[in-house]
Amino acid sequence: MNFVAVAKIHIGKKIKEVWKSSRLKGTEFAAMINKDRQVIYDIFERETIDTGLLQNISKVLNHDFFSYYSQQIDIAKEAQPEYSYATKDDLLSLTSLVQALARSVEQMREQMPDKKTAGKK
C-alpha cells in the first residue's frame, strides 16, 4: 500500500501571505471581513478556520483558499489503491481455491510420519 505524507496546511499563514500581497491595511482588511483589527492577527496564527469565515476572506482577497485543501485531497486519493466489489464469479473462484488449498494441506498431513511412531525407529 502506498502512503503519501501530506503536509498539514497552516491556513493562517496562507491568508497572511495573500493579505500582505494585497496591499490592504490591517484595518481595511478587518473591516471588510467584519472583524476587529486584532482578530485578523489572531487569524494569521490559526492552523484551522471556520469555513464561512474562510469563504468571506477568499472573496475579500480574491483568492481561493479552499484550493489548498482540495489539492491535499487529490494527493491523498492518488495514494489510495482502487478497490471494487467482488463478483459472484470472484467469490466462487476464491472458494474453489480455498478448498483446493485445504485438500493439499490434508494430503500433506497424511504424508507426515505419525509423531508416536516417528521416534520408535
N, C-alpha and C. Protein backbone atom coordinates (compact mmCIF):
# COMPACT_ATOMS: atom_id res chain seq x y z
N MET A 1 0.85 -1.18 0.00
CA MET A 1 0.00 0.00 0.00
C MET A 1 0.89 1.24 0.00
N ASN A 2 0.60 2.18 -0.83
CA ASN A 2 1.39 3.41 -0.91
C ASN A 2 0.76 4.49 -0.05
N PHE A 3 1.58 5.09 0.79
CA PHE A 3 1.11 6.21 1.60
C PHE A 3 1.94 7.43 1.24
N VAL A 4 1.27 8.53 1.08
CA VAL A 4 1.95 9.78 0.77
C VAL A 4 1.80 10.69 1.97
N ALA A 5 2.92 11.17 2.48
CA ALA A 5 2.86 12.11 3.59
C ALA A 5 2.37 13.45 3.04
N VAL A 6 1.31 13.92 3.62
CA VAL A 6 0.73 15.18 3.16
C VAL A 6 0.98 16.22 4.24
N ALA A 7 1.63 17.31 3.85
CA ALA A 7 1.93 18.36 4.81
C ALA A 7 0.65 19.01 5.31
N LYS A 8 0.63 19.30 6.59
CA LYS A 8 -0.53 19.96 7.17
C LYS A 8 -0.56 21.42 6.71
N ILE A 9 -1.75 21.87 6.38
CA ILE A 9 -1.92 23.24 5.90
C ILE A 9 -2.07 24.16 7.11
N HIS A 10 -1.29 25.21 7.14
CA HIS A 10 -1.46 26.27 8.16
C HIS A 10 -2.16 27.41 7.44
N ILE A 11 -3.47 27.38 7.48
CA ILE A 11 -4.27 28.31 6.68
C ILE A 11 -4.02 29.76 7.06
N GLY A 12 -3.75 30.01 8.34
CA GLY A 12 -3.48 31.38 8.77
C GLY A 12 -2.27 31.99 8.07
N LYS A 13 -1.23 31.17 7.90
CA LYS A 13 -0.03 31.66 7.21
C LYS A 13 -0.34 31.95 5.74
N LYS A 14 -1.15 31.10 5.13
CA LYS A 14 -1.53 31.31 3.73
C LYS A 14 -2.33 32.62 3.59
N ILE A 15 -3.25 32.84 4.51
CA ILE A 15 -4.05 34.07 4.48
C ILE A 15 -3.15 35.29 4.64
N LYS A 16 -2.22 35.20 5.57
CA LYS A 16 -1.30 36.33 5.82
C LYS A 16 -0.47 36.65 4.57
N GLU A 17 0.03 35.61 3.89
CA GLU A 17 0.82 35.82 2.67
C GLU A 17 0.00 36.56 1.60
N VAL A 18 -1.22 36.11 1.39
CA VAL A 18 -2.07 36.72 0.37
C VAL A 18 -2.47 38.12 0.78
N TRP A 19 -2.78 38.31 2.06
CA TRP A 19 -3.16 39.63 2.56
C TRP A 19 -2.01 40.62 2.36
N LYS A 20 -0.78 40.20 2.68
CA LYS A 20 0.37 41.10 2.51
C LYS A 20 0.53 41.53 1.05
N SER A 21 0.31 40.63 0.13
CA SER A 21 0.46 40.98 -1.28
C SER A 21 -0.72 41.82 -1.78
N SER A 22 -1.80 41.85 -1.02
CA SER A 22 -2.98 42.63 -1.44
C SER A 22 -2.80 44.12 -1.20
N ARG A 23 -1.88 44.47 -0.36
CA ARG A 23 -1.59 45.86 0.00
C ARG A 23 -2.72 46.54 0.77
N LEU A 24 -3.66 45.74 1.29
CA LEU A 24 -4.71 46.30 2.15
C LEU A 24 -4.11 46.56 3.53
N LYS A 25 -4.53 47.63 4.15
CA LYS A 25 -4.11 47.89 5.53
C LYS A 25 -4.88 46.93 6.43
N GLY A 26 -4.31 46.66 7.59
CA GLY A 26 -4.95 45.76 8.54
C GLY A 26 -6.36 46.20 8.90
N THR A 27 -6.53 47.50 9.12
CA THR A 27 -7.86 48.00 9.49
C THR A 27 -8.85 47.84 8.34
N GLU A 28 -8.38 48.04 7.10
CA GLU A 28 -9.26 47.87 5.94
C GLU A 28 -9.70 46.41 5.79
N PHE A 29 -8.72 45.54 5.88
CA PHE A 29 -9.00 44.11 5.74
C PHE A 29 -9.97 43.65 6.83
N ALA A 30 -9.71 44.07 8.06
CA ALA A 30 -10.57 43.70 9.19
C ALA A 30 -12.00 44.18 8.95
N ALA A 31 -12.15 45.40 8.50
CA ALA A 31 -13.48 45.95 8.26
C ALA A 31 -14.20 45.20 7.15
N MET A 32 -13.46 44.79 6.13
CA MET A 32 -14.06 44.10 5.00
C MET A 32 -14.57 42.70 5.37
N ILE A 33 -13.96 42.10 6.40
CA ILE A 33 -14.43 40.77 6.83
C ILE A 33 -15.25 40.86 8.13
N ASN A 34 -15.61 42.11 8.49
CA ASN A 34 -16.44 42.36 9.68
C ASN A 34 -15.81 41.85 10.97
N LYS A 35 -14.51 42.10 11.12
CA LYS A 35 -13.78 41.70 12.33
C LYS A 35 -12.98 42.89 12.82
N ASP A 36 -12.55 42.83 14.09
CA ASP A 36 -11.65 43.84 14.64
C ASP A 36 -10.25 43.61 14.10
N ARG A 37 -9.48 44.67 14.08
CA ARG A 37 -8.12 44.60 13.56
C ARG A 37 -7.32 43.52 14.28
N GLN A 38 -7.47 43.42 15.60
CA GLN A 38 -6.71 42.43 16.36
C GLN A 38 -7.08 41.00 15.96
N VAL A 39 -8.32 40.80 15.54
CA VAL A 39 -8.78 39.46 15.17
C VAL A 39 -8.03 38.95 13.94
N ILE A 40 -7.70 39.83 13.01
CA ILE A 40 -7.01 39.34 11.81
C ILE A 40 -5.62 38.79 12.17
N TYR A 41 -4.97 39.37 13.17
CA TYR A 41 -3.67 38.86 13.59
C TYR A 41 -3.84 37.51 14.28
N ASP A 42 -4.97 37.32 14.94
CA ASP A 42 -5.29 36.03 15.53
C ASP A 42 -5.52 35.00 14.41
N ILE A 43 -6.19 35.41 13.35
CA ILE A 43 -6.45 34.52 12.21
C ILE A 43 -5.14 34.04 11.60
N PHE A 44 -4.16 34.93 11.49
CA PHE A 44 -2.87 34.57 10.91
C PHE A 44 -2.17 33.46 11.69
N GLU A 45 -2.52 33.30 12.96
CA GLU A 45 -1.89 32.28 13.81
C GLU A 45 -2.63 30.94 13.77
N ARG A 46 -3.81 30.92 13.19
CA ARG A 46 -4.65 29.72 13.21
C ARG A 46 -4.21 28.69 12.17
N GLU A 47 -4.23 27.43 12.61
CA GLU A 47 -4.00 26.32 11.67
C GLU A 47 -5.31 25.91 11.01
N THR A 48 -6.42 26.17 11.67
CA THR A 48 -7.74 25.85 11.11
C THR A 48 -8.62 27.09 11.21
N ILE A 49 -9.71 27.06 10.43
CA ILE A 49 -10.57 28.23 10.40
C ILE A 49 -11.99 27.79 10.01
N ASP A 50 -12.97 28.51 10.48
CA ASP A 50 -14.36 28.27 10.11
C ASP A 50 -14.52 28.47 8.61
N THR A 51 -15.27 27.58 7.97
CA THR A 51 -15.40 27.67 6.51
C THR A 51 -16.14 28.93 6.05
N GLY A 52 -17.09 29.40 6.84
CA GLY A 52 -17.79 30.62 6.47
C GLY A 52 -16.86 31.82 6.47
N LEU A 53 -16.01 31.89 7.49
CA LEU A 53 -15.02 32.97 7.57
C LEU A 53 -14.02 32.84 6.43
N LEU A 54 -13.59 31.62 6.14
CA LEU A 54 -12.64 31.41 5.05
C LEU A 54 -13.25 31.80 3.70
N GLN A 55 -14.52 31.54 3.54
CA GLN A 55 -15.20 31.94 2.30
C GLN A 55 -15.23 33.46 2.17
N ASN A 56 -15.51 34.14 3.27
CA ASN A 56 -15.54 35.61 3.26
C ASN A 56 -14.15 36.18 2.95
N ILE A 57 -13.13 35.61 3.59
CA ILE A 57 -11.75 36.06 3.36
C ILE A 57 -11.36 35.80 1.90
N SER A 58 -11.78 34.65 1.36
CA SER A 58 -11.49 34.33 -0.04
C SER A 58 -12.07 35.37 -0.98
N LYS A 59 -13.30 35.80 -0.70
CA LYS A 59 -13.95 36.82 -1.54
C LYS A 59 -13.23 38.15 -1.42
N VAL A 60 -12.92 38.57 -0.19
CA VAL A 60 -12.28 39.87 0.03
C VAL A 60 -10.90 39.93 -0.62
N LEU A 61 -10.13 38.85 -0.47
CA LEU A 61 -8.77 38.84 -1.01
C LEU A 61 -8.71 38.29 -2.44
N ASN A 62 -9.88 37.91 -2.98
CA ASN A 62 -9.95 37.38 -4.33
C ASN A 62 -8.96 36.23 -4.53
N HIS A 63 -9.02 35.28 -3.60
CA HIS A 63 -8.09 34.14 -3.61
C HIS A 63 -8.84 32.90 -3.13
N ASP A 64 -8.66 31.78 -3.81
CA ASP A 64 -9.34 30.53 -3.43
C ASP A 64 -8.50 29.77 -2.41
N PHE A 65 -8.75 30.04 -1.13
CA PHE A 65 -8.03 29.34 -0.07
C PHE A 65 -8.47 27.88 0.06
N PHE A 66 -9.64 27.56 -0.43
CA PHE A 66 -10.13 26.18 -0.38
C PHE A 66 -9.31 25.27 -1.30
N SER A 67 -8.67 25.85 -2.29
CA SER A 67 -7.89 25.04 -3.23
C SER A 67 -6.74 24.31 -2.54
N TYR A 68 -6.21 24.86 -1.46
CA TYR A 68 -5.13 24.20 -0.73
C TYR A 68 -5.61 22.86 -0.19
N TYR A 69 -6.85 22.84 0.26
CA TYR A 69 -7.41 21.61 0.80
C TYR A 69 -7.76 20.62 -0.30
N SER A 70 -8.29 21.10 -1.41
CA SER A 70 -8.64 20.17 -2.49
C SER A 70 -7.38 19.57 -3.11
N GLN A 71 -6.28 20.31 -3.15
CA GLN A 71 -5.02 19.75 -3.63
C GLN A 71 -4.56 18.63 -2.71
N GLN A 72 -4.74 18.82 -1.42
CA GLN A 72 -4.35 17.80 -0.45
C GLN A 72 -5.21 16.55 -0.61
N ILE A 73 -6.48 16.73 -0.87
CA ILE A 73 -7.38 15.60 -1.08
C ILE A 73 -6.99 14.84 -2.33
N ASP A 74 -6.64 15.56 -3.41
CA ASP A 74 -6.22 14.92 -4.65
C ASP A 74 -4.97 14.08 -4.43
N ILE A 75 -4.02 14.59 -3.66
CA ILE A 75 -2.79 13.86 -3.38
C ILE A 75 -3.11 12.59 -2.60
N ALA A 76 -3.98 12.71 -1.61
CA ALA A 76 -4.35 11.55 -0.80
C ALA A 76 -5.08 10.51 -1.65
N LYS A 77 -5.92 10.94 -2.57
CA LYS A 77 -6.64 10.00 -3.44
C LYS A 77 -5.67 9.23 -4.33
N GLU A 78 -4.63 9.91 -4.82
CA GLU A 78 -3.65 9.25 -5.68
C GLU A 78 -2.94 8.13 -4.94
N ALA A 79 -2.77 8.27 -3.64
CA ALA A 79 -2.04 7.29 -2.85
C ALA A 79 -2.89 6.08 -2.50
N GLN A 80 -4.20 6.18 -2.62
CA GLN A 80 -5.08 5.08 -2.24
C GLN A 80 -5.25 4.11 -3.40
N PRO A 81 -5.15 2.81 -3.08
CA PRO A 81 -5.39 1.83 -4.14
C PRO A 81 -6.88 1.80 -4.49
N GLU A 82 -7.16 1.39 -5.70
CA GLU A 82 -8.56 1.30 -6.14
C GLU A 82 -9.11 -0.06 -5.73
N TYR A 83 -10.24 -0.08 -5.08
CA TYR A 83 -10.91 -1.31 -4.70
C TYR A 83 -12.28 -1.34 -5.35
N SER A 84 -12.75 -2.55 -5.60
CA SER A 84 -14.10 -2.70 -6.12
C SER A 84 -14.74 -3.90 -5.43
N TYR A 85 -15.99 -4.11 -5.70
CA TYR A 85 -16.72 -5.23 -5.11
C TYR A 85 -16.40 -6.51 -5.86
N ALA A 86 -16.36 -7.61 -5.12
CA ALA A 86 -16.14 -8.92 -5.74
C ALA A 86 -17.44 -9.37 -6.41
N THR A 87 -17.28 -9.99 -7.55
CA THR A 87 -18.44 -10.54 -8.25
C THR A 87 -18.71 -11.94 -7.73
N LYS A 88 -19.83 -12.51 -8.11
CA LYS A 88 -20.18 -13.88 -7.72
C LYS A 88 -19.12 -14.84 -8.26
N ASP A 89 -18.65 -14.62 -9.48
CA ASP A 89 -17.61 -15.47 -10.07
C ASP A 89 -16.31 -15.37 -9.27
N ASP A 90 -15.97 -14.15 -8.81
CA ASP A 90 -14.76 -13.97 -7.99
C ASP A 90 -14.87 -14.81 -6.72
N LEU A 91 -16.05 -14.75 -6.07
CA LEU A 91 -16.25 -15.49 -4.83
C LEU A 91 -16.19 -17.00 -5.05
N LEU A 92 -16.79 -17.47 -6.15
CA LEU A 92 -16.74 -18.90 -6.46
C LEU A 92 -15.30 -19.35 -6.73
N SER A 93 -14.56 -18.51 -7.44
CA SER A 93 -13.16 -18.82 -7.74
C SER A 93 -12.33 -18.89 -6.46
N LEU A 94 -12.55 -17.94 -5.57
CA LEU A 94 -11.82 -17.94 -4.29
C LEU A 94 -12.21 -19.13 -3.43
N THR A 95 -13.48 -19.49 -3.44
CA THR A 95 -13.96 -20.65 -2.68
C THR A 95 -13.28 -21.92 -3.18
N SER A 96 -13.21 -22.07 -4.49
CA SER A 96 -12.55 -23.24 -5.08
C SER A 96 -11.07 -23.27 -4.70
N LEU A 97 -10.44 -22.14 -4.73
CA LEU A 97 -9.03 -22.05 -4.37
C LEU A 97 -8.81 -22.45 -2.92
N VAL A 98 -9.64 -21.95 -2.02
CA VAL A 98 -9.51 -22.28 -0.60
C VAL A 98 -9.73 -23.78 -0.38
N GLN A 99 -10.72 -24.34 -1.07
CA GLN A 99 -10.98 -25.78 -0.93
C GLN A 99 -9.80 -26.59 -1.44
N ALA A 100 -9.20 -26.19 -2.56
CA ALA A 100 -8.04 -26.90 -3.10
C ALA A 100 -6.86 -26.80 -2.14
N LEU A 101 -6.67 -25.64 -1.54
CA LEU A 101 -5.58 -25.48 -0.56
C LEU A 101 -5.83 -26.36 0.66
N ALA A 102 -7.07 -26.43 1.10
CA ALA A 102 -7.41 -27.27 2.26
C ALA A 102 -7.13 -28.74 1.95
N ARG A 103 -7.45 -29.20 0.74
CA ARG A 103 -7.16 -30.58 0.34
C ARG A 103 -5.65 -30.83 0.33
N SER A 104 -4.90 -29.86 -0.18
CA SER A 104 -3.44 -30.00 -0.21
C SER A 104 -2.86 -30.11 1.19
N VAL A 105 -3.35 -29.30 2.09
CA VAL A 105 -2.88 -29.34 3.48
C VAL A 105 -3.20 -30.70 4.09
N GLU A 106 -4.39 -31.20 3.85
CA GLU A 106 -4.80 -32.51 4.38
C GLU A 106 -3.92 -33.62 3.83
N GLN A 107 -3.61 -33.56 2.53
CA GLN A 107 -2.73 -34.56 1.93
C GLN A 107 -1.33 -34.51 2.55
N MET A 108 -0.84 -33.31 2.81
CA MET A 108 0.48 -33.18 3.45
C MET A 108 0.46 -33.75 4.86
N ARG A 109 -0.62 -33.53 5.56
CA ARG A 109 -0.74 -34.10 6.92
C ARG A 109 -0.72 -35.62 6.88
N GLU A 110 -1.41 -36.19 5.90
CA GLU A 110 -1.46 -37.65 5.78
C GLU A 110 -0.10 -38.22 5.45
N GLN A 111 0.73 -37.46 4.72
CA GLN A 111 2.05 -37.94 4.32
C GLN A 111 3.09 -37.77 5.43
N MET A 112 2.78 -36.96 6.42
CA MET A 112 3.72 -36.75 7.52
C MET A 112 3.76 -38.01 8.39
N PRO A 113 4.94 -38.33 8.90
CA PRO A 113 5.02 -39.50 9.79
C PRO A 113 4.25 -39.23 11.08
N ASP A 114 3.68 -40.25 11.62
CA ASP A 114 2.94 -40.16 12.88
C ASP A 114 3.92 -39.84 13.99
N LYS A 115 3.62 -38.90 14.84
CA LYS A 115 4.53 -38.48 15.91
C LYS A 115 4.83 -39.64 16.87
N LYS A 116 3.86 -40.52 17.09
CA LYS A 116 4.04 -41.63 18.03
C LYS A 116 5.01 -42.65 17.49
N THR A 117 4.92 -42.90 16.18
CA THR A 117 5.77 -43.92 15.59
C THR A 117 7.08 -43.37 15.05
N ALA A 118 7.17 -42.05 14.86
CA ALA A 118 8.37 -41.44 14.26
C ALA A 118 9.59 -41.64 15.14
N GLY A 119 9.47 -41.62 16.43
CA GLY A 119 10.60 -41.72 17.33
C GLY A 119 10.96 -43.16 17.67
N LYS A 120 10.27 -44.19 17.17
CA LYS A 120 10.49 -45.61 17.53
C LYS A 120 11.24 -46.38 16.45
N LYS A 121 12.12 -45.78 15.73
CA LYS A 121 12.82 -46.48 14.64
C LYS A 121 13.88 -47.37 15.17
